Amino acid sequence: MPARIYQPARNAMQSGVGKTKYWLLEHVSDSARSVDPLMGWTSNSDTQAQVRIRFDSKEAALAYAEAHGIDAVVQDPKRRKPNIRAGGYGENFATNRRGAWTH
C-alpha cells in the first residue's frame, strides 16, 4: 500500500503559517469511500486510510517508511515568494509619500 509524505499547506483562512513546520505520512487508500445510508457519514473499509503520522523532518518520515516497509512518495511543498516591502506596514501611513494617499 503506497503512502505519501508531505508538508501541509497553510490554512487559507489565516495569514499565519502554523501547523506547517512538520511532515505527515499518510496512507493512500486502495478502495473507494462509501456513504453510510443511515447516518450519511463517509467511510472507508481500509483502516490505514485513517492513519496520519507526524514527523519533525522529511528524513525522519522517510526513515520510518523504510524501517516499516512502506513504499512512500515524497511531495515537496511549493514555496511562496515572500512579500517583503522596504517600509513594511508603516509605509501605508508615511508622511513622506510621493503620491496622493487615497482610500
C-alpha atoms as a PDB file:
ATOM      1  CA  MET A   1       0.000   0.000   0.000  1.00  0.00           C
ATOM      2  CA  PRO A   2       1.555   3.322  -1.005  1.00  0.00           C
ATOM      3  CA  ALA A   3       1.832   6.294   1.280  1.00  0.00           C
ATOM      4  CA  ARG A   4       2.634   9.919   0.727  1.00  0.00           C
ATOM      5  CA  ILE A   5       4.928  12.129   2.728  1.00  0.00           C
ATOM      6  CA  TYR A   6       4.147  15.830   2.546  1.00  0.00           C
ATOM      7  CA  GLN A   7       4.293  19.093   4.418  1.00  0.00           C
ATOM      8  CA  PRO A   8       0.773  20.518   4.886  1.00  0.00           C
ATOM      9  CA  ALA A   9      -0.079  23.877   3.361  1.00  0.00           C
ATOM     10  CA  ARG A  10      -1.053  26.838   5.465  1.00  0.00           C
ATOM     11  CA  ASN A  11      -4.684  27.463   6.263  1.00  0.00           C
ATOM     12  CA  ALA A  12      -6.310  29.557   3.525  1.00  0.00           C
ATOM     13  CA  MET A  13      -8.393  31.420   6.104  1.00  0.00           C
ATOM     14  CA  GLN A  14      -5.378  32.637   8.096  1.00  0.00           C
ATOM     15  CA  SER A  15      -2.242  34.535   7.170  1.00  0.00           C
ATOM     16  CA  GLY A  16      -0.020  32.626   9.580  1.00  0.00           C
ATOM     17  CA  VAL A  17       1.987  29.506   8.877  1.00  0.00           C
ATOM     18  CA  GLY A  18       1.023  27.500  11.953  1.00  0.00           C
ATOM     19  CA  LYS A  19       0.936  23.704  11.636  1.00  0.00           C
ATOM     20  CA  THR A  20       3.118  23.790   8.516  1.00  0.00           C
ATOM     21  CA  LYS A  21       6.507  23.081  10.072  1.00  0.00           C
ATOM     22  CA  TYR A  22       6.116  19.305  10.378  1.00  0.00           C
ATOM     23  CA  TRP A  23       5.837  16.498   7.815  1.00  0.00           C
ATOM     24  CA  LEU A  24       2.995  13.974   7.551  1.00  0.00           C
ATOM     25  CA  LEU A  25       2.973  10.370   6.415  1.00  0.00           C
ATOM     26  CA  GLU A  26      -0.486   9.493   5.160  1.00  0.00           C
ATOM     27  CA  HIS A  27      -1.564   6.173   3.653  1.00  0.00           C
ATOM     28  CA  VAL A  28      -3.342   6.255   0.309  1.00  0.00           C
ATOM     29  CA  SER A  29      -6.497   4.160   0.247  1.00  0.00           C
ATOM     30  CA  ASP A  30      -6.890   1.383  -2.313  1.00  0.00           C
ATOM     31  CA  SER A  31     -10.667   1.274  -2.054  1.00  0.00           C
ATOM     32  CA  ALA A  32     -13.204   3.992  -2.732  1.00  0.00           C
ATOM     33  CA  ARG A  33     -15.091   5.762   0.033  1.00  0.00           C
ATOM     34  CA  SER A  34     -18.733   4.945   0.577  1.00  0.00           C
ATOM     35  CA  VAL A  35     -21.622   6.806   2.175  1.00  0.00           C
ATOM     36  CA  ASP A  36     -23.489   5.187   5.043  1.00  0.00           C
ATOM     37  CA  PRO A  37     -27.190   5.186   4.046  1.00  0.00           C
ATOM     38  CA  LEU A  38     -28.491   5.677   7.600  1.00  0.00           C
ATOM     39  CA  MET A  39     -26.236   8.402   9.003  1.00  0.00           C
ATOM     40  CA  GLY A  40     -24.760   9.834   5.803  1.00  0.00           C
ATOM     41  CA  TRP A  41     -21.194   9.502   7.061  1.00  0.00           C
ATOM     42  CA  THR A  42     -18.415   8.900   4.591  1.00  0.00           C
ATOM     43  CA  SER A  43     -16.430   5.806   5.461  1.00  0.00           C
ATOM     44  CA  ASN A  44     -13.785   3.518   4.080  1.00  0.00           C
ATOM     45  CA  SER A  45     -13.161  -0.175   4.644  1.00  0.00           C
ATOM     46  CA  ASP A  46      -9.412   0.438   4.734  1.00  0.00           C
ATOM     47  CA  THR A  47      -8.377   1.397   8.277  1.00  0.00           C
ATOM     48  CA  GLN A  48      -4.893   2.512   7.199  1.00  0.00           C
ATOM     49  CA  ALA A  49      -6.501   5.497   5.438  1.00  0.00           C
ATOM     50  CA  GLN A  50      -7.306   6.913   8.890  1.00  0.00           C
ATOM     51  CA  VAL A  51      -3.659   6.957   9.999  1.00  0.00           C
ATOM     52  CA  ARG A  52      -1.653  10.184   9.763  1.00  0.00           C
ATOM     53  CA  ILE A  53       1.754  10.206  11.446  1.00  0.00           C
ATOM     54  CA  ARG A  54       3.563  13.480  12.192  1.00  0.00           C
ATOM     55  CA  PHE A  55       7.351  13.873  11.908  1.00  0.00           C
ATOM     56  CA  ASP A  56       9.723  16.759  12.569  1.00  0.00           C
ATOM     57  CA  SER A  57      11.622  16.298   9.301  1.00  0.00           C
ATOM     58  CA  LYS A  58      11.289  14.698   5.887  1.00  0.00           C
ATOM     59  CA  GLU A  59      14.272  12.454   6.611  1.00  0.00           C
ATOM     60  CA  ALA A  60      12.610  11.089   9.749  1.00  0.00           C
ATOM     61  CA  ALA A  61       9.461  10.267   7.790  1.00  0.00           C
ATOM     62  CA  LEU A  62      11.469   8.501   5.083  1.00  0.00           C
ATOM     63  CA  ALA A  63      13.424   6.546   7.701  1.00  0.00           C
ATOM     64  CA  TYR A  64      10.169   5.412   9.333  1.00  0.00           C
ATOM     65  CA  ALA A  65       8.742   4.339   5.978  1.00  0.00           C
ATOM     66  CA  GLU A  66      11.887   2.356   5.140  1.00  0.00           C
ATOM     67  CA  ALA A  67      12.001   0.700   8.567  1.00  0.00           C
ATOM     68  CA  HIS A  68       8.387  -0.463   8.272  1.00  0.00           C
ATOM     69  CA  GLY A  69       8.487  -1.476   4.593  1.00  0.00           C
ATOM     70  CA  ILE A  70       6.142   1.263   3.386  1.00  0.00           C
ATOM     71  CA  ASP A  71       6.657   2.467  -0.169  1.00  0.00           C
ATOM     72  CA  ALA A  72       6.286   6.217   0.136  1.00  0.00           C
ATOM     73  CA  VAL A  73       6.182   9.073  -2.333  1.00  0.00           C
ATOM     74  CA  VAL A  74       7.530  12.445  -1.188  1.00  0.00           C
ATOM     75  CA  GLN A  75       5.676  15.566  -2.295  1.00  0.00           C
ATOM     76  CA  ASP A  76       7.871  18.610  -1.731  1.00  0.00           C
ATOM     77  CA  PRO A  77       5.977  21.800  -0.846  1.00  0.00           C
ATOM     78  CA  LYS A  78       5.694  24.667  -3.294  1.00  0.00           C
ATOM     79  CA  ARG A  79       7.216  27.643  -1.526  1.00  0.00           C
ATOM     80  CA  ARG A  80       5.609  31.031  -1.776  1.00  0.00           C
ATOM     81  CA  LYS A  81       7.748  34.035  -2.604  1.00  0.00           C
ATOM     82  CA  PRO A  82       7.865  36.323   0.447  1.00  0.00           C
ATOM     83  CA  ASN A  83       6.239  39.736   0.016  1.00  0.00           C
ATOM     84  CA  ILE A  84       8.574  41.997   1.952  1.00  0.00           C
ATOM     85  CA  ARG A  85       8.295  45.741   1.448  1.00  0.00           C
ATOM     86  CA  ALA A  86      11.013  48.153   2.498  1.00  0.00           C
ATOM     87  CA  GLY A  87       8.828  50.202   4.824  1.00  0.00           C
ATOM     88  CA  GLY A  88       6.525  47.392   5.873  1.00  0.00           C
ATOM     89  CA  TYR A  89       3.036  48.137   7.127  1.00  0.00           C
ATOM     90  CA  GLY A  90       4.048  51.579   8.354  1.00  0.00           C
ATOM     91  CA  GLU A  91       4.668  52.631   4.759  1.00  0.00           C
ATOM     92  CA  ASN A  92       0.897  52.936   4.319  1.00  0.00           C
ATOM     93  CA  PHE A  93       0.815  55.840   6.788  1.00  0.00           C
ATOM     94  CA  ALA A  94       4.128  57.539   5.973  1.00  0.00           C
ATOM     95  CA  THR A  95       4.150  61.337   5.883  1.00  0.00           C
ATOM     96  CA  ASN A  96       6.771  61.477   3.160  1.00  0.00           C
ATOM     97  CA  ARG A  97       4.716  59.708   0.483  1.00  0.00           C
ATOM     98  CA  ARG A  98       5.379  60.800  -3.095  1.00  0.00           C
ATOM     99  CA  GLY A  99       1.845  60.289  -4.376  1.00  0.00           C
ATOM    100  CA  ALA A 100      -1.561  61.151  -3.042  1.00  0.00           C
ATOM    101  CA  TRP A 101      -2.859  58.744  -0.436  1.00  0.00           C
ATOM    102  CA  THR A 102      -6.372  57.779  -1.316  1.00  0.00           C
ATOM    103  CA  HIS A 103      -8.510  55.190   0.332  1.00  0.00           C
END
